[in-house]
Amino acid sequence: MKTRYSFGGDEHIFVEVDEEMSLEAFFKSLSMTTAVRNAKIDGITEICPANASFQVKFDPDVIAPDVLMERLKTFEVAAENAEKTIDTRIIEMPVLYNDPWTHETLMRFRERHQDPDGTDLEYAARINGYDSVEKFIEAHSGAPWFVSMVGFVAGLPFTYQLVERARQIEVPKYLRPRTDTPKQTVGYGGCFGCVYSVRGAGGYQMFGITPMPIFDPKGERSYLKDLFLFRPGDIIRFKPIDRETYDATLAEVEAGRYEPKIASVQFSLDAFNADPEGNNAKLLEALDG
């Protein structure tokens, strides 16, 4: 992979680790942003990591742009050789697939979709070679997902499924974005999944909805004291649920009693690449054990 450095106006430097998303690119970007943060370089005011890139904001009155550019490049070699292991969390997210709320929404915007006569799930299943929506849901929920970045709107995680590249689900975004997406919709666009933290516009395909809030601007929920649930490097397990379980979980959420199932785990990219299914099984055991 070839890293590209460029200026973004007078106060930003953009570093693109690779043109395509991969876990290798994510770990290299993570290593570089960690090194930059630990270096505590005078003049840097913000570091914003993304899927396979990051952006640094700086004060040009404190550090010259060219000087900072060269300093950032010095972190690259070490990042390429850094250990690709992180201590992180796996979080279980209940999902009501094919729910009535995203269904109502997607039917209002069929003229903006590649398949005006079907649903998002039907379209995604067909173009990925699954003979039924049920089989597609099994594939979507059958392996955990890696949170590669958080952003777009407050607390929204972008996710990348932990499967071999040949098994990656790929679904294009809507032809034209919707002006409405229900809060907590589980979506998909390109090779990335996401969970919409708030209601609003969006272009990702809609597969279902979770009763579990992931963003609390007031920080009143016990597990959302930091306002956001997810951070880069987290792992998500999507657990299919039925309508009865959804309603019961939502009642617990509204009563302030709901706590998500979360376990501490270690993720090694080398171990995953050597045995994806075995590695995933160990991650899921941490939740089920």
C-alpha atoms as a PDB file:
ATOM      1  CA  MET A   1       0.000   0.000   0.000  1.00  0.00           C
ATOM      2  CA  LYS A   2       1.238   3.493  -0.840  1.00  0.00           C
ATOM      3  CA  THR A   3       0.583   6.343   1.579  1.00  0.00           C
ATOM      4  CA  ARG A   4      -0.394   9.717   0.132  1.00  0.00           C
ATOM      5  CA  TYR A   5       0.111  12.995   2.014  1.00  0.00           C
ATOM      6  CA  SER A   6      -1.669  16.203   1.018  1.00  0.00           C
ATOM      7  CA  PHE A   7      -2.591  19.575   2.486  1.00  0.00           C
ATOM      8  CA  GLY A   8      -6.207  20.411   3.186  1.00  0.00           C
ATOM      9  CA  GLY A   9      -6.248  24.179   3.237  1.00  0.00           C
ATOM     10  CA  ASP A  10      -3.956  26.096   5.581  1.00  0.00           C
ATOM     11  CA  GLU A  11      -4.593  24.101   8.767  1.00  0.00           C
ATOM     12  CA  HIS A  12      -4.985  20.442   7.805  1.00  0.00           C
ATOM     13  CA  ILE A  13      -2.880  17.570   6.512  1.00  0.00           C
ATOM     14  CA  PHE A  14      -4.679  14.546   5.058  1.00  0.00           C
ATOM     15  CA  VAL A  15      -2.929  11.169   5.113  1.00  0.00           C
ATOM     16  CA  GLU A  16      -4.416   8.424   2.934  1.00  0.00           C
ATOM     17  CA  VAL A  17      -2.867   5.105   3.926  1.00  0.00           C
ATOM     18  CA  ASP A  18      -4.450   3.225   1.030  1.00  0.00           C
ATOM     19  CA  GLU A  19      -7.064   3.792  -1.666  1.00  0.00           C
ATOM     20  CA  GLU A  20      -9.090   0.764  -0.587  1.00  0.00           C
ATOM     21  CA  MET A  21     -10.320  -0.326   2.790  1.00  0.00           C
ATOM     22  CA  SER A  22      -8.576  -3.242   4.463  1.00  0.00           C
ATOM     23  CA  LEU A  23      -7.807  -4.201   8.023  1.00  0.00           C
ATOM     24  CA  GLU A  24      -4.114  -3.831   7.193  1.00  0.00           C
ATOM     25  CA  ALA A  25      -4.698  -0.218   6.155  1.00  0.00           C
ATOM     26  CA  PHE A  26      -6.754   0.414   9.285  1.00  0.00           C
ATOM     27  CA  PHE A  27      -4.034  -0.900  11.590  1.00  0.00           C
ATOM     28  CA  LYS A  28      -1.350   1.133   9.840  1.00  0.00           C
ATOM     29  CA  SER A  29      -3.501   4.274  10.173  1.00  0.00           C
ATOM     30  CA  LEU A  30      -4.217   3.422  13.821  1.00  0.00           C
ATOM     31  CA  SER A  31      -0.505   2.976  14.551  1.00  0.00           C
ATOM     32  CA  MET A  32       0.347   6.287  12.894  1.00  0.00           C
ATOM     33  CA  THR A  33      -2.356   8.278  14.695  1.00  0.00           C
ATOM     34  CA  THR A  34      -1.355   6.710  18.015  1.00  0.00           C
ATOM     35  CA  ALA A  35       2.277   7.659  17.400  1.00  0.00           C
ATOM     36  CA  VAL A  36       1.327  11.209  16.426  1.00  0.00           C
ATOM     37  CA  ARG A  37      -0.825  11.563  19.540  1.00  0.00           C
ATOM     38  CA  ASN A  38       1.923  10.195  21.810  1.00  0.00           C
ATOM     39  CA  ALA A  39       4.508  12.511  20.243  1.00  0.00           C
ATOM     40  CA  LYS A  40       2.563  15.534  21.517  1.00  0.00           C
ATOM     41  CA  ILE A  41       3.785  17.737  18.693  1.00  0.00           C
ATOM     42  CA  ASP A  42       3.374  21.437  19.436  1.00  0.00           C
ATOM     43  CA  GLY A  43       0.802  22.976  17.108  1.00  0.00           C
ATOM     44  CA  ILE A  44      -1.364  19.911  16.494  1.00  0.00           C
ATOM     45  CA  THR A  45      -4.867  20.640  17.753  1.00  0.00           C
ATOM     46  CA  GLU A  46      -6.842  17.643  16.524  1.00  0.00           C
ATOM     47  CA  ILE A  47      -6.339  14.154  15.051  1.00  0.00           C
ATOM     48  CA  CYS A  48      -9.272  12.613  13.197  1.00  0.00           C
ATOM     49  CA  PRO A  49      -8.888   8.912  12.224  1.00  0.00           C
ATOM     50  CA  ALA A  50     -10.963   7.335   9.443  1.00  0.00           C
ATOM     51  CA  ASN A  51     -11.260   3.929   7.758  1.00  0.00           C
ATOM     52  CA  ALA A  52      -7.930   3.875   5.914  1.00  0.00           C
ATOM     53  CA  SER A  53      -6.774   7.462   6.450  1.00  0.00           C
ATOM     54  CA  PHE A  54      -6.572  10.259   8.974  1.00  0.00           C
ATOM     55  CA  GLN A  55      -6.479  14.044   9.091  1.00  0.00           C
ATOM     56  CA  VAL A  56      -4.469  16.296  11.356  1.00  0.00           C
ATOM     57  CA  LYS A  57      -5.472  19.846  12.223  1.00  0.00           C
ATOM     58  CA  PHE A  58      -2.686  22.197  13.238  1.00  0.00           C
ATOM     59  CA  ASP A  59      -1.883  25.818  13.975  1.00  0.00           C
ATOM     60  CA  PRO A  60       0.465  27.108  11.221  1.00  0.00           C
ATOM     61  CA  ASP A  61       1.593  29.929  13.530  1.00  0.00           C
ATOM     62  CA  VAL A  62       3.064  27.287  15.846  1.00  0.00           C
ATOM     63  CA  ILE A  63       4.449  24.758  13.373  1.00  0.00           C
ATOM     64  CA  ALA A  64       5.162  25.279   9.669  1.00  0.00           C
ATOM     65  CA  PRO A  65       3.067  23.075   7.341  1.00  0.00           C
ATOM     66  CA  ASP A  66       6.102  21.604   5.524  1.00  0.00           C
ATOM     67  CA  VAL A  67       7.835  20.827   8.811  1.00  0.00           C
ATOM     68  CA  LEU A  68       4.780  18.995  10.119  1.00  0.00           C
ATOM     69  CA  MET A  69       4.363  17.117   6.844  1.00  0.00           C
ATOM     70  CA  GLU A  70       7.896  15.751   7.084  1.00  0.00           C
ATOM     71  CA  ARG A  71       7.432  14.909  10.760  1.00  0.00           C
ATOM     72  CA  LEU A  72       4.312  12.874  10.002  1.00  0.00           C
ATOM     73  CA  LYS A  73       6.162  10.872   7.351  1.00  0.00           C
ATOM     74  CA  THR A  74       8.679   9.704   9.943  1.00  0.00           C
ATOM     75  CA  PHE A  75       5.968   7.708  11.703  1.00  0.00           C
ATOM     76  CA  GLU A  76       5.149   5.598   8.652  1.00  0.00           C
ATOM     77  CA  VAL A  77       7.975   3.035   8.740  1.00  0.00           C
ATOM     78  CA  ALA A  78       7.399   2.263  12.406  1.00  0.00           C
ATOM     79  CA  ALA A  79       3.673   1.906  11.755  1.00  0.00           C
ATOM     80  CA  GLU A  80       4.257  -0.645   9.009  1.00  0.00           C
ATOM     81  CA  ASN A  81       6.239  -2.821  11.421  1.00  0.00           C
ATOM     82  CA  ALA A  82       4.076  -2.256  14.495  1.00  0.00           C
ATOM     83  CA  GLU A  83       2.359  -5.173  16.207  1.00  0.00           C
ATOM     84  CA  LYS A  84      -1.163  -5.515  14.826  1.00  0.00           C
ATOM     85  CA  THR A  85      -2.856  -6.396  18.103  1.00  0.00           C
ATOM     86  CA  ILE A  86      -5.248  -4.272  20.148  1.00  0.00           C
ATOM     87  CA  ASP A  87      -7.120  -4.662  23.428  1.00  0.00           C
ATOM     88  CA  THR A  88     -10.719  -3.828  22.651  1.00  0.00           C
ATOM     89  CA  ARG A  89     -14.370  -4.763  23.288  1.00  0.00           C
ATOM     90  CA  ILE A  90     -16.980  -6.905  21.613  1.00  0.00           C
ATOM     91  CA  ILE A  91     -20.513  -5.538  21.912  1.00  0.00           C
ATOM     92  CA  GLU A  92     -23.719  -7.396  21.146  1.00  0.00           C
ATOM     93  CA  MET A  93     -26.353  -5.424  19.258  1.00  0.00           C
ATOM     94  CA  PRO A  94     -29.885  -6.851  18.929  1.00  0.00           C
ATOM     95  CA  VAL A  95     -31.362  -6.236  15.477  1.00  0.00           C
ATOM     96  CA  LEU A  96     -34.913  -6.616  14.197  1.00  0.00           C
ATOM     97  CA  TYR A  97     -34.233  -7.291  10.519  1.00  0.00           C
ATOM     98  CA  ASN A  98     -36.926  -6.459   7.964  1.00  0.00           C
ATOM     99  CA  ASP A  99     -38.675  -4.269  10.532  1.00  0.00           C
ATOM    100  CA  PRO A 100     -41.812  -2.218   9.765  1.00  0.00           C
ATOM    101  CA  TRP A 101     -40.182   1.215  10.308  1.00  0.00           C
ATOM    102  CA  THR A 102     -37.308   0.962   7.839  1.00  0.00           C
ATOM    103  CA  HIS A 103     -39.664  -0.887   5.475  1.00  0.00           C
ATOM    104  CA  GLU A 104     -42.103   2.018   5.494  1.00  0.00           C
ATOM    105  CA  THR A 105     -39.254   4.447   4.919  1.00  0.00           C
ATOM    106  CA  LEU A 106     -37.609   2.556   2.071  1.00  0.00           C
ATOM    107  CA  MET A 107     -40.936   2.183   0.280  1.00  0.00           C
ATOM    108  CA  ARG A 108     -41.313   5.991   0.325  1.00  0.00           C
ATOM    109  CA  PHE A 109     -38.019   6.361  -1.544  1.00  0.00           C
ATOM    110  CA  ARG A 110     -38.144   3.561  -4.137  1.00  0.00           C
ATOM    111  CA  GLU A 111     -37.685   5.986  -7.016  1.00  0.00           C
ATOM    112  CA  ARG A 112     -34.201   6.675  -5.635  1.00  0.00           C
ATOM    113  CA  HIS A 113     -33.248   2.996  -5.517  1.00  0.00           C
ATOM    114  CA  GLN A 114     -31.658   0.617  -8.022  1.00  0.00           C
ATOM    115  CA  ASP A 115     -34.608  -1.783  -7.620  1.00  0.00           C
ATOM    116  CA  PRO A 116     -37.886   0.165  -7.357  1.00  0.00           C
ATOM    117  CA  ASP A 117     -39.937  -3.034  -7.195  1.00  0.00           C
ATOM    118  CA  GLY A 118     -38.167  -4.756  -4.301  1.00  0.00           C
ATOM    119  CA  THR A 119     -36.869  -4.016  -0.821  1.00  0.00           C
ATOM    120  CA  ASP A 120     -33.343  -3.187   0.246  1.00  0.00           C
ATOM    121  CA  LEU A 121     -32.876  -6.647   1.737  1.00  0.00           C
ATOM    122  CA  GLU A 122     -34.198  -8.373  -1.365  1.00  0.00           C
ATOM    123  CA  TYR A 123     -31.879  -6.333  -3.569  1.00  0.00           C
ATOM    124  CA  ALA A 124     -28.847  -6.959  -1.361  1.00  0.00           C
ATOM    125  CA  ALA A 125     -29.547 -10.692  -1.195  1.00  0.00           C
ATOM    126  CA  ARG A 126     -29.927 -11.003  -4.960  1.00  0.00           C
ATOM    127  CA  ILE A 127     -26.811  -9.121  -6.042  1.00  0.00           C
ATOM    128  CA  ASN A 128     -24.698 -10.994  -3.481  1.00  0.00           C
ATOM    129  CA  GLY A 129     -25.843 -14.382  -4.727  1.00  0.00           C
ATOM    130  CA  TYR A 130     -28.131 -15.421  -1.857  1.00  0.00           C
ATOM    131  CA  ASP A 131     -31.302 -17.260  -2.797  1.00  0.00           C
ATOM    132  CA  SER A 132     -33.369 -15.729   0.007  1.00  0.00           C
ATOM    133  CA  VAL A 133     -33.471 -12.784   2.396  1.00  0.00           C
ATOM    134  CA  GLU A 134     -33.183 -15.245   5.277  1.00  0.00           C
ATOM    135  CA  LYS A 135     -29.877 -16.606   3.951  1.00  0.00           C
ATOM    136  CA  PHE A 136     -28.595 -13.058   3.493  1.00  0.00           C
ATOM    137  CA  ILE A 137     -29.495 -12.160   7.093  1.00  0.00           C
ATOM    138  CA  GLU A 138     -27.635 -15.269   8.246  1.00  0.00           C
ATOM    139  CA  ALA A 139     -24.541 -14.053   6.388  1.00  0.00           C
ATOM    140  CA  HIS A 140     -24.872 -10.487   7.685  1.00  0.00           C
ATOM    141  CA  SER A 141     -25.247 -11.594  11.307  1.00  0.00           C
ATOM    142  CA  GLY A 142     -23.087 -14.711  11.102  1.00  0.00           C
ATOM    143  CA  ALA A 143     -19.691 -13.048  11.628  1.00  0.00           C
ATOM    144  CA  PRO A 144     -18.689 -10.091  13.809  1.00  0.00           C
ATOM    145  CA  TRP A 145     -17.998  -6.585  12.515  1.00  0.00           C
ATOM    146  CA  PHE A 146     -15.017  -4.313  13.137  1.00  0.00           C
ATOM    147  CA  VAL A 147     -15.646  -0.611  13.865  1.00  0.00           C
ATOM    148  CA  SER A 148     -13.205   1.179  11.570  1.00  0.00           C
ATOM    149  CA  MET A 149     -14.275   4.762  12.324  1.00  0.00           C
ATOM    150  CA  VAL A 150     -16.939   6.830  14.056  1.00  0.00           C
ATOM    151  CA  GLY A 151     -18.374   9.901  12.380  1.00  0.00           C
ATOM    152  CA  PHE A 152     -20.587  11.401   9.659  1.00  0.00           C
ATOM    153  CA  VAL A 153     -23.064  12.180  12.424  1.00  0.00           C
ATOM    154  CA  ALA A 154     -22.484  11.968  16.169  1.00  0.00           C
ATOM    155  CA  GLY A 155     -21.690   8.450  17.339  1.00  0.00           C
ATOM    156  CA  LEU A 156     -22.308   6.668  14.016  1.00  0.00           C
ATOM    157  CA  PRO A 157     -20.007   3.622  13.641  1.00  0.00           C
ATOM    158  CA  PHE A 158     -18.747   2.481  10.246  1.00  0.00           C
ATOM    159  CA  THR A 159     -18.274  -1.284  10.301  1.00  0.00           C
ATOM    160  CA  TYR A 160     -16.354  -3.843   8.264  1.00  0.00           C
ATOM    161  CA  GLN A 161     -17.245  -7.536   8.499  1.00  0.00           C
ATOM    162  CA  LEU A 162     -14.574  -9.904   9.764  1.00  0.00           C
ATOM    163  CA  VAL A 163     -14.672 -12.424   6.930  1.00  0.00           C
ATOM    164  CA  GLU A 164     -12.355 -13.303   4.059  1.00  0.00           C
ATOM    165  CA  ARG A 165     -12.472 -10.760   1.237  1.00  0.00           C
ATOM    166  CA  ALA A 166     -14.238 -13.249  -1.070  1.00  0.00           C
ATOM    167  CA  ARG A 167     -17.122 -13.370   1.426  1.00  0.00           C
ATOM    168  CA  GLN A 168     -17.446  -9.610   1.868  1.00  0.00           C
ATOM    169  CA  ILE A 169     -20.954  -8.312   1.251  1.00  0.00           C
ATOM    170  CA  GLU A 170     -21.036  -5.464  -1.272  1.00  0.00           C
ATOM    171  CA  VAL A 171     -24.106  -3.319  -1.901  1.00  0.00           C
ATOM    172  CA  PRO A 172     -24.085   0.126  -3.536  1.00  0.00           C
ATOM    173  CA  LYS A 173     -25.694   3.095  -1.853  1.00  0.00           C
ATOM    174  CA  TYR A 174     -29.002   4.481  -3.098  1.00  0.00           C
ATOM    175  CA  LEU A 175     -28.875   6.217  -6.484  1.00  0.00           C
ATOM    176  CA  ARG A 176     -29.965   9.395  -4.689  1.00  0.00           C
ATOM    177  CA  PRO A 177     -29.886   9.844  -0.906  1.00  0.00           C
ATOM    178  CA  ARG A 178     -33.071   9.685   1.155  1.00  0.00           C
ATOM    179  CA  THR A 179     -34.178  12.661   3.189  1.00  0.00           C
ATOM    180  CA  ASP A 180     -35.223  10.363   6.038  1.00  0.00           C
ATOM    181  CA  THR A 181     -33.733   7.388   7.870  1.00  0.00           C
ATOM    182  CA  PRO A 182     -35.097   6.082  11.190  1.00  0.00           C
ATOM    183  CA  LYS A 183     -32.870   6.403  14.234  1.00  0.00           C
ATOM    184  CA  GLN A 184     -30.838   3.246  14.970  1.00  0.00           C
ATOM    185  CA  THR A 185     -31.213   1.830  11.466  1.00  0.00           C
ATOM    186  CA  VAL A 186     -28.667  -0.847  10.558  1.00  0.00           C
ATOM    187  CA  GLY A 187     -27.473   0.162   7.095  1.00  0.00           C
ATOM    188  CA  TYR A 188     -25.019  -0.820   4.391  1.00  0.00           C
ATOM    189  CA  GLY A 189     -23.216   0.930   1.544  1.00  0.00           C
ATOM    190  CA  GLY A 190     -20.307  -0.322  -0.562  1.00  0.00           C
ATOM    191  CA  CYS A 191     -18.302  -2.634   1.715  1.00  0.00           C
ATOM    192  CA  PHE A 192     -19.246  -0.804   4.916  1.00  0.00           C
ATOM    193  CA  GLY A 193     -22.040  -1.271   7.384  1.00  0.00           C
ATOM    194  CA  CYS A 194     -23.234   1.418   9.770  1.00  0.00           C
ATOM    195  CA  VAL A 195     -25.755   2.116  12.492  1.00  0.00           C
ATOM    196  CA  TYR A 196     -27.535   5.457  12.165  1.00  0.00           C
ATOM    197  CA  SER A 197     -27.269   7.048  15.612  1.00  0.00           C
ATOM    198  CA  VAL A 198     -29.906   9.710  14.883  1.00  0.00           C
ATOM    199  CA  ARG A 199     -32.778  10.188  12.468  1.00  0.00           C
ATOM    200  CA  GLY A 200     -31.880  12.013   9.291  1.00  0.00           C
ATOM    201  CA  ALA A 201     -30.826  11.827   5.671  1.00  0.00           C
ATOM    202  CA  GLY A 202     -28.899   8.846   4.357  1.00  0.00           C
ATOM    203  CA  GLY A 203     -28.033   6.758   1.338  1.00  0.00           C
ATOM    204  CA  TYR A 204     -27.121   3.362   2.792  1.00  0.00           C
ATOM    205  CA  GLN A 205     -29.368   0.356   2.222  1.00  0.00           C
ATOM    206  CA  MET A 206     -31.606  -0.313   5.246  1.00  0.00           C
ATOM    207  CA  PHE A 207     -31.620  -3.861   6.638  1.00  0.00           C
ATOM    208  CA  GLY A 208     -33.178  -3.494  10.087  1.00  0.00           C
ATOM    209  CA  ILE A 209     -33.289  -1.523  13.302  1.00  0.00           C
ATOM    210  CA  THR A 210     -31.892  -1.941  16.805  1.00  0.00           C
ATOM    211  CA  PRO A 211     -33.745  -0.991  19.997  1.00  0.00           C
ATOM    212  CA  MET A 212     -30.383  -0.155  21.597  1.00  0.00           C
ATOM    213  CA  PRO A 213     -29.463   3.555  21.657  1.00  0.00           C
ATOM    214  CA  ILE A 214     -25.829   4.253  20.705  1.00  0.00           C
ATOM    215  CA  PHE A 215     -25.779   8.022  21.246  1.00  0.00           C
ATOM    216  CA  ASP A 216     -27.056  10.080  24.172  1.00  0.00           C
ATOM    217  CA  PRO A 217     -26.358  13.828  23.855  1.00  0.00           C
ATOM    218  CA  LYS A 218     -27.170  14.281  27.541  1.00  0.00           C
ATOM    219  CA  GLY A 219     -25.094  11.351  28.763  1.00  0.00           C
ATOM    220  CA  GLU A 220     -27.906  10.141  31.008  1.00  0.00           C
ATOM    221  CA  ARG A 221     -27.905   6.450  30.079  1.00  0.00           C
ATOM    222  CA  SER A 222     -25.631   4.331  32.241  1.00  0.00           C
ATOM    223  CA  TYR A 223     -23.574   2.983  29.319  1.00  0.00           C
ATOM    224  CA  LEU A 224     -23.512   6.286  27.412  1.00  0.00           C
ATOM    225  CA  LYS A 225     -21.855   8.571  29.955  1.00  0.00           C
ATOM    226  CA  ASP A 226     -19.324   9.442  27.245  1.00  0.00           C
ATOM    227  CA  LEU A 227     -22.267  10.291  24.921  1.00  0.00           C
ATOM    228  CA  PHE A 228     -21.113   7.752  22.270  1.00  0.00           C
ATOM    229  CA  LEU A 229     -21.020   3.976  22.644  1.00  0.00           C
ATOM    230  CA  PHE A 230     -18.556   3.059  19.905  1.00  0.00           C
ATOM    231  CA  ARG A 231     -14.932   3.864  19.216  1.00  0.00           C
ATOM    232  CA  PRO A 232     -12.593   2.663  16.457  1.00  0.00           C
ATOM    233  CA  GLY A 233     -11.400  -0.873  17.083  1.00  0.00           C
ATOM    234  CA  ASP A 234     -14.607  -2.050  18.769  1.00  0.00           C
ATOM    235  CA  ILE A 235     -16.200  -5.238  17.476  1.00  0.00           C
ATOM    236  CA  ILE A 236     -19.955  -5.685  17.027  1.00  0.00           C
ATOM    237  CA  ARG A 237     -22.032  -8.826  16.984  1.00  0.00           C
ATOM    238  CA  PHE A 238     -25.417  -8.287  15.307  1.00  0.00           C
ATOM    239  CA  LYS A 239     -27.937 -10.611  16.966  1.00  0.00           C
ATOM    240  CA  PRO A 240     -31.211 -11.171  15.062  1.00  0.00           C
ATOM    241  CA  ILE A 241     -34.302 -10.794  17.243  1.00  0.00           C
ATOM    242  CA  ASP A 242     -38.059 -11.041  16.682  1.00  0.00           C
ATOM    243  CA  ARG A 243     -40.670  -8.337  17.222  1.00  0.00           C
ATOM    244  CA  GLU A 244     -41.582  -9.591  20.693  1.00  0.00           C
ATOM    245  CA  THR A 245     -37.961  -9.379  21.840  1.00  0.00           C
ATOM    246  CA  TYR A 246     -37.600  -5.976  20.203  1.00  0.00           C
ATOM    247  CA  ASP A 247     -40.609  -4.618  22.111  1.00  0.00           C
ATOM    248  CA  ALA A 248     -39.382  -6.105  25.397  1.00  0.00           C
ATOM    249  CA  THR A 249     -35.889  -4.662  24.911  1.00  0.00           C
ATOM    250  CA  LEU A 250     -37.298  -1.256  23.984  1.00  0.00           C
ATOM    251  CA  ALA A 251     -39.360  -1.289  27.188  1.00  0.00           C
ATOM    252  CA  GLU A 252     -36.166  -1.928  29.174  1.00  0.00           C
ATOM    253  CA  VAL A 253     -34.455   0.945  27.326  1.00  0.00           C
ATOM    254  CA  GLU A 254     -37.305   3.350  28.025  1.00  0.00           C
ATOM    255  CA  ALA A 255     -37.352   2.340  31.700  1.00  0.00           C
ATOM    256  CA  GLY A 256     -33.616   3.050  31.962  1.00  0.00           C
ATOM    257  CA  ARG A 257     -32.789  -0.554  32.857  1.00  0.00           C
ATOM    258  CA  TYR A 258     -31.146  -1.720  29.646  1.00  0.00           C
ATOM    259  CA  GLU A 259     -27.455  -2.628  29.636  1.00  0.00           C
ATOM    260  CA  PRO A 260     -25.770  -3.952  26.470  1.00  0.00           C
ATOM    261  CA  LYS A 261     -23.746  -7.133  26.605  1.00  0.00           C
ATOM    262  CA  ILE A 262     -20.067  -6.116  26.387  1.00  0.00           C
ATOM    263  CA  ALA A 263     -16.911  -8.184  26.855  1.00  0.00           C
ATOM    264  CA  SER A 264     -13.222  -7.277  26.789  1.00  0.00           C
ATOM    265  CA  VAL A 265     -11.241  -9.058  24.081  1.00  0.00           C
ATOM    266  CA  GLN A 266      -7.916  -8.910  22.292  1.00  0.00           C
ATOM    267  CA  PHE A 267      -7.912  -8.716  18.504  1.00  0.00           C
ATOM    268  CA  SER A 268      -4.874  -9.801  16.519  1.00  0.00           C
ATOM    269  CA  LEU A 269      -4.850  -9.152  12.788  1.00  0.00           C
ATOM    270  CA  ASP A 270      -2.271 -11.882  12.251  1.00  0.00           C
ATOM    271  CA  ALA A 271      -4.384 -14.409  14.173  1.00  0.00           C
ATOM    272  CA  PHE A 272      -7.472 -13.392  12.213  1.00  0.00           C
ATOM    273  CA  ASN A 273      -5.723 -13.724   8.858  1.00  0.00           C
ATOM    274  CA  ALA A 274      -4.383 -17.164   9.838  1.00  0.00           C
ATOM    275  CA  ASP A 275      -7.791 -18.512  10.911  1.00  0.00           C
ATOM    276  CA  PRO A 276     -10.760 -16.150  10.400  1.00  0.00           C
ATOM    277  CA  GLU A 277     -13.484 -18.537  11.551  1.00  0.00           C
ATOM    278  CA  GLY A 278     -11.538 -19.791  14.558  1.00  0.00           C
ATOM    279  CA  ASN A 279     -10.644 -16.256  15.591  1.00  0.00           C
ATOM    280  CA  ASN A 280     -14.263 -15.126  15.277  1.00  0.00           C
ATOM    281  CA  ALA A 281     -15.437 -18.078  17.346  1.00  0.00           C
ATOM    282  CA  LYS A 282     -13.130 -17.014  20.173  1.00  0.00           C
ATOM    283  CA  LEU A 283     -14.433 -13.448  19.999  1.00  0.00           C
ATOM    284  CA  LEU A 284     -18.035 -14.641  20.233  1.00  0.00           C
ATOM    285  CA  GLU A 285     -17.174 -16.988  23.106  1.00  0.00           C
ATOM    286  CA  ALA A 286     -16.220 -13.925  25.135  1.00  0.00           C
ATOM    287  CA  LEU A 287     -19.850 -12.763  24.888  1.00  0.00           C
ATOM    288  CA  ASP A 288     -21.447 -16.164  25.332  1.00  0.00           C
ATOM    289  CA  GLY A 289     -19.138 -17.448  28.030  1.00  0.00           C
END
